[in-house]
Amino acid sequence: MTAIIRFRELLPRVERFLFTAHAGPGSRTGWQGRGEGRLAVQCHDSTIRFHESGSFTLAGQAQSVPMRNVYRWECRADRISLFHERRGPDAAVHLFDLIAEGEETLINATVHQCAADAYSGKIVLRPDGFDLQWRILGPRKDERILYHYRT
């Protein structure tokens, strides 16, 4: 339970992110690259929203493109629910619930299934933030995305 408490206390203090996307051997998308940006964090009761804005550079390209994302974290005593609000808060997609795996880690309680693609996640707490490891597997997808969220 300590990991959940620490994570809840950390979420409102996060200010920036960096991520790398890697396509595995089974990927047909070839989605690889690097993104970075800032966060506008919005807190209301036990809900925290990350409004991400930054840029993404596809591997092998010199020019970056702007990117935006909104993630909603709903904090409960025994879990953190993660939602993606790309189409707004009323059409949020529940990705999965994160539960404590150890003192420094949280993992998805179940895999999020989106059509034929399975999404899973793991959070590793760091002294200055946390890392969110995404794994996406499907008929055309074999991706790993590693986010570094920092205070």
Protein backbone atom coordinates (compact mmCIF):
# COMPACT_ATOMS: atom_id res chain seq x y z
CA MET A 1 0.00 0.00 0.00
CA THR A 2 2.96 2.31 0.55
CA ALA A 3 3.56 2.60 -3.19
CA ILE A 4 0.01 3.87 -3.75
CA ILE A 5 0.32 6.48 -1.01
CA ARG A 6 3.68 7.69 -2.35
CA PHE A 7 2.34 7.77 -5.89
CA ARG A 8 -0.72 9.82 -4.85
CA GLU A 9 1.51 12.36 -3.13
CA LEU A 10 3.82 12.55 -6.14
CA LEU A 11 1.22 13.05 -8.91
CA PRO A 12 0.40 16.76 -8.24
CA ARG A 13 4.11 17.69 -8.24
CA VAL A 14 4.98 16.36 -11.70
CA GLU A 15 5.92 19.11 -14.18
CA ARG A 16 7.57 17.55 -17.22
CA PHE A 17 7.86 14.36 -19.22
CA LEU A 18 10.09 12.60 -21.70
CA PHE A 19 9.23 9.40 -23.52
CA THR A 20 10.72 7.00 -26.00
CA ALA A 21 8.71 4.66 -28.23
CA HIS A 22 10.25 1.45 -29.55
CA ALA A 23 8.74 -0.89 -32.13
CA GLY A 24 9.47 -4.56 -31.50
CA PRO A 25 10.00 -7.28 -34.12
CA GLY A 26 6.25 -7.95 -34.36
CA SER A 27 5.34 -4.33 -35.07
CA ARG A 28 3.82 -3.36 -38.39
CA THR A 29 3.45 0.29 -37.37
CA GLY A 30 7.15 1.13 -37.01
CA TRP A 31 6.21 3.66 -34.36
CA GLN A 32 9.53 4.76 -32.89
CA GLY A 33 10.73 8.08 -31.66
CA ARG A 34 11.09 10.47 -28.80
CA GLY A 35 8.74 12.96 -27.19
CA GLU A 36 9.06 15.57 -24.49
CA GLY A 37 7.08 18.34 -22.94
CA ARG A 38 5.48 20.01 -19.95
CA LEU A 39 2.46 19.22 -17.85
CA ALA A 40 -0.36 21.37 -16.56
CA VAL A 41 -1.61 19.42 -13.55
CA GLN A 42 -5.19 19.89 -12.43
CA CYS A 43 -6.28 18.51 -9.03
CA HIS A 44 -9.84 18.10 -7.79
CA ASP A 45 -10.53 15.95 -4.73
CA SER A 46 -9.10 12.50 -5.55
CA THR A 47 -8.81 13.18 -9.30
CA ILE A 48 -5.64 14.46 -10.96
CA ARG A 49 -5.41 15.38 -14.63
CA PHE A 50 -2.20 15.58 -16.63
CA HIS A 51 -2.55 17.97 -19.57
CA GLU A 52 0.51 17.10 -21.63
CA SER A 53 1.84 19.36 -24.36
CA GLY A 54 5.10 19.00 -26.18
CA SER A 55 6.65 17.61 -29.32
CA PHE A 56 7.34 14.21 -30.83
CA THR A 57 10.13 13.34 -33.24
CA LEU A 58 9.73 10.18 -35.27
CA ALA A 59 12.93 8.14 -35.51
CA GLY A 60 14.91 9.12 -38.60
CA GLN A 61 13.16 12.48 -38.94
CA ALA A 62 14.66 15.89 -38.22
CA GLN A 63 11.39 17.76 -37.77
CA SER A 64 9.25 17.30 -34.66
CA VAL A 65 5.48 17.57 -34.54
CA PRO A 66 3.35 19.04 -31.74
CA MET A 67 1.57 16.61 -29.43
CA ARG A 68 -1.11 16.84 -26.75
CA ASN A 69 -2.59 14.31 -24.35
CA VAL A 70 -4.81 14.28 -21.30
CA TYR A 71 -4.60 11.53 -18.70
CA ARG A 72 -6.88 11.31 -15.67
CA TRP A 73 -5.72 9.56 -12.49
CA GLU A 74 -8.45 8.65 -10.00
CA CYS A 75 -6.98 7.84 -6.60
CA ARG A 76 -8.56 5.26 -4.34
CA ALA A 77 -7.26 3.64 -1.16
CA ASP A 78 -6.16 0.42 -2.85
CA ARG A 79 -5.64 1.44 -6.49
CA ILE A 80 -5.16 4.24 -9.00
CA SER A 81 -7.45 4.22 -12.04
CA LEU A 82 -5.96 5.60 -15.25
CA PHE A 83 -8.12 7.12 -18.01
CA HIS A 84 -7.24 8.63 -21.38
CA GLU A 85 -9.29 11.74 -22.18
CA ARG A 86 -8.25 12.36 -25.77
CA ARG A 87 -11.91 12.90 -26.69
CA GLY A 88 -12.75 14.83 -23.54
CA PRO A 89 -13.71 13.90 -19.97
CA ASP A 90 -17.19 12.65 -20.90
CA ALA A 91 -15.73 10.19 -23.42
CA ALA A 92 -12.74 9.08 -21.34
CA VAL A 93 -11.36 5.60 -21.98
CA HIS A 94 -10.62 3.59 -18.83
CA LEU A 95 -7.21 2.06 -19.48
CA PHE A 96 -6.68 0.07 -16.30
CA ASP A 97 -6.39 0.13 -12.53
CA LEU A 98 -2.90 0.21 -11.07
CA ILE A 99 -2.26 -1.76 -7.89
CA ALA A 100 0.82 -2.02 -5.71
CA GLU A 101 3.26 -4.74 -6.72
CA GLY A 102 5.93 -3.75 -4.21
CA GLU A 103 7.25 -0.76 -2.28
CA GLU A 104 8.37 1.03 -5.48
CA THR A 105 6.11 -0.37 -8.19
CA LEU A 106 2.50 -0.46 -9.36
CA ILE A 107 1.17 -2.69 -12.12
CA ASN A 108 -2.06 -2.94 -14.06
CA ALA A 109 -4.64 -5.14 -12.32
CA THR A 110 -5.91 -6.32 -15.71
CA VAL A 111 -4.85 -5.76 -19.30
CA HIS A 112 -6.77 -3.13 -21.28
CA GLN A 113 -8.16 -4.65 -24.45
CA CYS A 114 -8.81 -2.27 -27.36
CA ALA A 115 -10.10 -4.34 -30.27
CA ALA A 116 -7.31 -6.89 -30.87
CA ASP A 117 -4.65 -4.85 -29.03
CA ALA A 118 -3.69 -5.45 -25.39
CA TYR A 119 -2.30 -2.55 -23.32
CA SER A 120 -0.47 -3.05 -20.05
CA GLY A 121 1.48 -0.71 -17.79
CA LYS A 122 3.90 -0.62 -14.92
CA ILE A 123 4.94 2.33 -12.77
CA VAL A 124 8.29 2.52 -11.04
CA LEU A 125 8.66 5.24 -8.41
CA ARG A 126 11.82 7.37 -8.50
CA PRO A 127 13.13 10.00 -6.04
CA ASP A 128 12.29 12.79 -8.53
CA GLY A 129 9.19 11.34 -10.20
CA PHE A 130 8.11 8.08 -11.78
CA ASP A 131 8.53 5.98 -14.89
CA LEU A 132 5.52 4.57 -16.73
CA GLN A 133 6.28 1.58 -18.93
CA TRP A 134 3.67 0.80 -21.59
CA ARG A 135 3.49 -2.47 -23.52
CA ILE A 136 1.15 -2.77 -26.51
CA LEU A 137 0.67 -6.11 -28.25
CA GLY A 138 -1.66 -6.99 -31.10
CA PRO A 139 -1.76 -8.38 -34.63
CA ARG A 140 0.02 -5.28 -35.97
CA LYS A 141 1.46 -3.88 -32.75
CA ASP A 142 4.51 -4.73 -30.69
CA GLU A 143 5.42 -1.47 -28.99
CA ARG A 144 7.12 -0.41 -25.79
CA ILE A 145 6.78 3.17 -24.59
CA LEU A 146 8.75 4.43 -21.63
CA TYR A 147 7.59 7.68 -20.05
CA HIS A 148 9.77 9.52 -17.54
CA TYR A 149 7.61 11.91 -15.49
CA ARG A 150 9.63 14.30 -13.31
CA THR A 151 9.00 16.98 -10.72
